[in-house]
Protein backbone atom coordinates (compact mmCIF):
# COMPACT_ATOMS: atom_id res chain seq x y z
CA MET A 1 -8.75 18.62 -0.67
CA THR A 2 -6.16 21.33 -1.04
CA PHE A 3 -2.97 20.80 -3.01
CA ALA A 4 -0.89 20.73 0.20
CA MET A 5 -3.12 18.09 1.78
CA ILE A 6 -3.00 15.94 -1.37
CA LEU A 7 0.78 16.26 -1.54
CA LEU A 8 1.16 15.34 2.14
CA ALA A 9 -1.13 12.33 1.73
CA LYS A 10 0.81 11.20 -1.36
CA LEU A 11 4.12 11.59 0.50
CA ILE A 12 2.79 9.45 3.36
CA ILE A 13 1.50 6.82 0.93
CA ALA A 14 4.81 6.81 -0.96
CA PHE A 15 6.80 6.47 2.27
CA VAL A 16 4.68 3.53 3.42
CA MET A 17 4.83 1.84 0.02
CA ILE A 18 8.60 2.24 -0.38
CA SER A 19 9.09 1.08 3.22
CA GLY A 20 6.92 -1.94 2.43
CA PHE A 21 9.08 -2.67 -0.61
CA VAL A 22 12.26 -2.58 1.48
CA MET A 23 10.80 -4.70 4.27
CA ASN A 24 9.15 -7.27 2.00
CA CYS A 25 12.09 -7.71 -0.36
CA PHE A 26 15.03 -7.41 2.01
CA SER A 27 13.83 -8.53 5.46
CA ALA A 28 14.41 -12.12 6.50
CA LYS A 29 11.34 -11.90 8.74
CA ALA A 30 9.01 -11.05 5.82
CA GLU A 31 9.09 -14.52 4.29
CA GLY A 32 7.98 -16.06 7.58
CA GLU A 33 5.17 -13.54 7.92
CA PHE A 34 3.87 -14.25 4.42
CA VAL A 35 4.00 -18.00 5.03
CA ARG A 36 2.26 -17.56 8.41
CA LEU A 37 -0.54 -15.66 6.65
CA GLY A 38 -0.95 -18.46 4.12
CA TYR A 39 1.01 -17.11 1.15
CA PRO A 40 4.07 -18.62 -0.52
CA GLY A 41 7.34 -17.06 0.64
CA TRP A 42 8.16 -15.71 -2.82
CA PHE A 43 4.92 -13.67 -2.86
CA ARG A 44 6.61 -11.09 -0.64
CA HIS A 45 8.73 -10.06 -3.64
CA VAL A 46 5.63 -9.61 -5.81
CA THR A 47 4.03 -7.50 -3.11
CA GLY A 48 7.21 -5.48 -2.56
CA ILE A 49 7.65 -4.73 -6.25
CA LEU A 50 4.00 -3.67 -6.50
CA GLU A 51 4.47 -1.38 -3.52
CA ALA A 52 7.60 0.21 -5.02
CA GLY A 53 5.80 0.78 -8.30
CA ILE A 54 2.84 2.35 -6.54
CA GLY A 55 5.09 4.56 -4.42
CA ILE A 56 6.63 6.00 -7.57
CA ALA A 57 3.60 5.96 -9.88
CA ILE A 58 1.44 8.14 -7.63
CA PHE A 59 3.67 11.06 -8.66
CA VAL A 60 3.23 10.44 -12.41
CA PRO A 61 0.17 12.47 -13.47
CA ALA A 62 -0.89 10.14 -16.30
CA ILE A 63 -1.14 7.09 -14.01
CA GLU A 64 -1.58 8.47 -10.50
CA ARG A 65 -5.27 7.59 -10.13
CA PRO A 66 -4.85 3.93 -11.24
CA ALA A 67 -1.77 3.70 -8.97
CA LEU A 68 -3.78 5.02 -6.02
CA ILE A 69 -6.56 2.52 -6.72
CA LEU A 70 -4.01 -0.30 -6.94
CA GLY A 71 -2.50 0.95 -3.68
CA ALA A 72 -5.92 0.77 -2.03
CA VAL A 73 -6.38 -2.79 -3.34
CA VAL A 74 -2.95 -3.88 -2.03
CA MET A 75 -3.71 -2.36 1.37
CA LEU A 76 -7.17 -3.98 1.39
CA ALA A 77 -5.51 -7.35 0.79
CA ALA A 78 -3.20 -6.67 3.74
CA VAL A 79 -6.14 -5.70 5.96
CA LEU A 80 -8.13 -8.80 4.98
CA SER A 81 -5.12 -11.09 5.44
CA LEU A 82 -4.50 -9.75 8.94
CA ALA A 83 -8.21 -9.71 9.80
CA ARG A 84 -8.35 -13.47 9.15
CA PHE A 85 -6.07 -13.85 12.17
CA ARG A 86 -7.81 -11.09 14.13
CA GLU A 87 -4.70 -8.91 14.15
CA TRP A 88 -6.68 -5.69 14.21
CA LEU A 89 -3.93 -3.39 15.51
CA HIS A 90 -1.46 -4.81 13.00
CA ALA A 91 -4.01 -4.13 10.23
CA LEU A 92 -4.73 -0.54 11.31
CA PRO A 93 -1.82 1.15 9.42
CA ALA A 94 -2.76 -0.65 6.19
CA PHE A 95 -6.37 0.44 6.71
CA VAL A 96 -5.32 4.07 7.17
CA VAL A 97 -3.12 4.00 4.04
CA MET A 98 -5.98 2.38 2.11
CA GLY A 99 -8.20 5.27 3.21
CA LEU A 100 -5.59 7.81 2.13
CA CYS A 101 -5.31 6.15 -1.30
CA ILE A 102 -9.09 6.27 -1.73
CA ALA A 103 -9.38 9.86 -0.49
CA VAL A 104 -6.67 11.13 -2.82
CA ALA A 105 -8.03 9.17 -5.79
CA LEU A 106 -11.48 10.61 -5.19
CA SER A 107 -10.17 14.15 -4.68
CA TYR A 108 -9.40 14.51 -8.39
CA LYS A 109 -12.18 15.44 -10.74
CA LEU A 110 -13.22 12.57 -12.97
CA ALA A 111 -11.56 12.94 -16.34
């Protein structure tokens, strides 16, 4: 992957993660969604804080790969949670972001 493609992918990931933080922590609808999916309402704050951290950490060279892997895990959890209710179209954006996280993480040479 070229530098420009990696940067664009990281910007997309960061945008989605920071947007997830805002929606999960500050949207009244988020608590209901988490409860509907079988999680406690407060778990939306945990998820949102993780997403904010990931959105920032992917631009810190020393921790970008672990942050990308954590981002893929968070998105996998979202995909699996939505798949339980057969909400395939709702899960598609999380699946795409998960793929971006994996692709960027794998694009770096192993240290």
